[in-house]
Structures are given as structure tokens and as C-alpha cells.
């Protein structure tokens, strides 16, 4: 096991990753400010998606796993934006 540290949205973040596998992380810090209807609504959400697969296909596996975590994070981000602005 390996430990990774970093920053997401200016906040300290860490994760534990299996050794000998391809690991992918996609993270967003999303802030939405809504000034409609003469009111201020602020929504904040940290989105983090991780994925891990055995290192069987070399860099092709790495690219596929990164694409997988990227797509999942984008879906969650778009759902959050849609949910926030549809209210």
C-alpha cells in the first residue's frame, strides 16, 4: 500500500492506493454562486473519484483507468450543477 497526499480545493487530502496497480484520481472543487431571485445561494462540493486496476495492459490500462475516473467525476460534477441550478 502507498499513501498519496495532496490538496483538493485548498484543503489537505490523502488516499491509500494498492501497490503494483494502476491508480487514477480525478478531483474537482466546485463552487456555485447563485444570485437569482435577489438572494445569494452558495453551494460548495468537493468531488473525488478514484479507480484502481491491475497492471496487465501497461500504459493502455493506465489511460483507460484515468478516463474512467475522469468520466465518473464529470458526471457527478454535472449532476451537482444541474441539481443546484434547477431549484
C-alpha atoms as a PDB file:
ATOM      1  CA  UNK A   1       0.000   0.000   0.000  1.00  0.00           C
ATOM      2  CA  UNK A   2       1.115   3.508  -0.820  1.00  0.00           C
ATOM      3  CA  UNK A   3      -0.174   6.756   0.642  1.00  0.00           C
ATOM      4  CA  UNK A   4      -0.725   9.784  -1.582  1.00  0.00           C
ATOM      5  CA  UNK A   5      -1.178  13.302  -0.249  1.00  0.00           C
ATOM      6  CA  UNK A   6      -2.314  16.468  -1.955  1.00  0.00           C
ATOM      7  CA  UNK A   7      -4.739  19.345  -1.967  1.00  0.00           C
ATOM      8  CA  UNK A   8      -8.335  19.433  -3.193  1.00  0.00           C
ATOM      9  CA  UNK A   9      -9.955  22.855  -3.220  1.00  0.00           C
ATOM     10  CA  UNK A  10      -7.226  24.190  -0.963  1.00  0.00           C
ATOM     11  CA  UNK A  11      -7.894  21.529   1.665  1.00  0.00           C
ATOM     12  CA  UNK A  12      -5.498  18.780   2.669  1.00  0.00           C
ATOM     13  CA  UNK A  13      -6.392  15.426   1.183  1.00  0.00           C
ATOM     14  CA  UNK A  14      -4.888  11.949   1.246  1.00  0.00           C
ATOM     15  CA  UNK A  15      -5.554   8.496  -0.116  1.00  0.00           C
ATOM     16  CA  UNK A  16      -4.271   4.943   0.148  1.00  0.00           C
ATOM     17  CA  UNK A  17      -3.503   3.146  -3.096  1.00  0.00           C
ATOM     18  CA  UNK A  18      -2.671  -0.509  -3.769  1.00  0.00           C
ATOM     19  CA  UNK A  19       0.878  -1.145  -4.916  1.00  0.00           C
ATOM     20  CA  UNK A  20       1.522  -2.833  -8.277  1.00  0.00           C
ATOM     21  CA  UNK A  21      -1.686  -1.482  -9.808  1.00  0.00           C
ATOM     22  CA  UNK A  22      -2.603   1.487 -11.943  1.00  0.00           C
ATOM     23  CA  UNK A  23      -4.359   4.071  -9.794  1.00  0.00           C
ATOM     24  CA  UNK A  24      -6.207   7.117 -11.103  1.00  0.00           C
ATOM     25  CA  UNK A  25      -7.597  10.106  -9.220  1.00  0.00           C
ATOM     26  CA  UNK A  26      -9.784  12.897 -10.588  1.00  0.00           C
ATOM     27  CA  UNK A  27     -10.773  15.692  -8.207  1.00  0.00           C
ATOM     28  CA  UNK A  28     -12.733  18.924  -8.526  1.00  0.00           C
ATOM     29  CA  UNK A  29     -13.569  21.640  -6.012  1.00  0.00           C
ATOM     30  CA  UNK A  30     -16.827  23.153  -7.301  1.00  0.00           C
ATOM     31  CA  UNK A  31     -18.280  26.429  -6.019  1.00  0.00           C
ATOM     32  CA  UNK A  32     -21.560  27.760  -7.363  1.00  0.00           C
ATOM     33  CA  UNK A  33     -22.822  31.234  -6.509  1.00  0.00           C
ATOM     34  CA  UNK A  34     -26.477  31.771  -7.412  1.00  0.00           C
ATOM     35  CA  UNK A  35     -27.760  35.362  -7.302  1.00  0.00           C
ATOM     36  CA  UNK A  36     -31.126  34.694  -8.902  1.00  0.00           C
ATOM     37  CA  UNK A  37     -34.327  35.897  -7.221  1.00  0.00           C
ATOM     38  CA  UNK A  38     -32.476  38.620  -5.263  1.00  0.00           C
ATOM     39  CA  UNK A  39     -30.860  36.124  -2.934  1.00  0.00           C
ATOM     40  CA  UNK A  40     -27.379  34.707  -2.636  1.00  0.00           C
ATOM     41  CA  UNK A  41     -27.012  30.959  -2.511  1.00  0.00           C
ATOM     42  CA  UNK A  42     -23.558  29.443  -2.255  1.00  0.00           C
ATOM     43  CA  UNK A  43     -23.047  25.727  -2.842  1.00  0.00           C
ATOM     44  CA  UNK A  44     -19.686  24.038  -2.405  1.00  0.00           C
ATOM     45  CA  UNK A  45     -18.784  20.441  -3.157  1.00  0.00           C
ATOM     46  CA  UNK A  46     -15.538  18.518  -3.401  1.00  0.00           C
ATOM     47  CA  UNK A  47     -15.766  15.744  -5.967  1.00  0.00           C
ATOM     48  CA  UNK A  48     -13.221  12.952  -5.856  1.00  0.00           C
ATOM     49  CA  UNK A  49     -13.252   9.769  -7.904  1.00  0.00           C
ATOM     50  CA  UNK A  50     -10.597   7.085  -7.699  1.00  0.00           C
ATOM     51  CA  UNK A  51     -10.118   3.896  -9.644  1.00  0.00           C
ATOM     52  CA  UNK A  52      -7.607   1.050  -9.497  1.00  0.00           C
ATOM     53  CA  UNK A  53      -6.859  -1.835 -11.853  1.00  0.00           C
ATOM     54  CA  UNK A  54      -4.136  -4.476 -12.142  1.00  0.00           C
ATOM     55  CA  UNK A  55      -1.151  -3.530 -14.268  1.00  0.00           C
ATOM     56  CA  UNK A  56      -1.873  -6.069 -17.011  1.00  0.00           C
ATOM     57  CA  UNK A  57      -2.017  -3.919 -20.136  1.00  0.00           C
ATOM     58  CA  UNK A  58       0.710  -1.378 -19.490  1.00  0.00           C
ATOM     59  CA  UNK A  59       0.022   2.223 -20.409  1.00  0.00           C
ATOM     60  CA  UNK A  60      -3.205   1.330 -22.211  1.00  0.00           C
ATOM     61  CA  UNK A  61      -4.626   0.227 -18.853  1.00  0.00           C
ATOM     62  CA  UNK A  62      -3.381   3.463 -17.282  1.00  0.00           C
ATOM     63  CA  UNK A  63      -5.105   5.591 -19.919  1.00  0.00           C
ATOM     64  CA  UNK A  64      -8.344   3.602 -19.610  1.00  0.00           C
ATOM     65  CA  UNK A  65      -8.454   3.838 -15.823  1.00  0.00           C
ATOM     66  CA  UNK A  66      -7.774   7.580 -15.881  1.00  0.00           C
ATOM     67  CA  UNK A  67     -10.540   8.026 -18.439  1.00  0.00           C
ATOM     68  CA  UNK A  68     -12.880   6.022 -16.208  1.00  0.00           C
ATOM     69  CA  UNK A  69     -12.274   8.174 -13.104  1.00  0.00           C
ATOM     70  CA  UNK A  70     -12.467  11.344 -15.243  1.00  0.00           C
ATOM     71  CA  UNK A  71     -15.866  10.389 -16.707  1.00  0.00           C
ATOM     72  CA  UNK A  72     -17.279   9.482 -13.270  1.00  0.00           C
ATOM     73  CA  UNK A  73     -16.075  12.778 -11.744  1.00  0.00           C
ATOM     74  CA  UNK A  74     -17.509  14.775 -14.660  1.00  0.00           C
ATOM     75  CA  UNK A  75     -20.876  13.033 -14.295  1.00  0.00           C
ATOM     76  CA  UNK A  76     -21.032  13.839 -10.587  1.00  0.00           C
ATOM     77  CA  UNK A  77     -19.994  17.450 -11.229  1.00  0.00           C
ATOM     78  CA  UNK A  78     -22.659  17.926 -13.911  1.00  0.00           C
ATOM     79  CA  UNK A  79     -25.344  16.351 -11.690  1.00  0.00           C
ATOM     80  CA  UNK A  80     -24.338  18.738  -8.880  1.00  0.00           C
ATOM     81  CA  UNK A  81     -24.525  21.771 -11.195  1.00  0.00           C
ATOM     82  CA  UNK A  82     -27.869  20.633 -12.618  1.00  0.00           C
ATOM     83  CA  UNK A  83     -29.348  19.947  -9.183  1.00  0.00           C
ATOM     84  CA  UNK A  84     -28.177  23.314  -7.853  1.00  0.00           C
ATOM     85  CA  UNK A  85     -29.417  25.425 -10.747  1.00  0.00           C
ATOM     86  CA  UNK A  86     -32.752  23.635 -11.232  1.00  0.00           C
ATOM     87  CA  UNK A  87     -34.017  24.700  -7.804  1.00  0.00           C
END
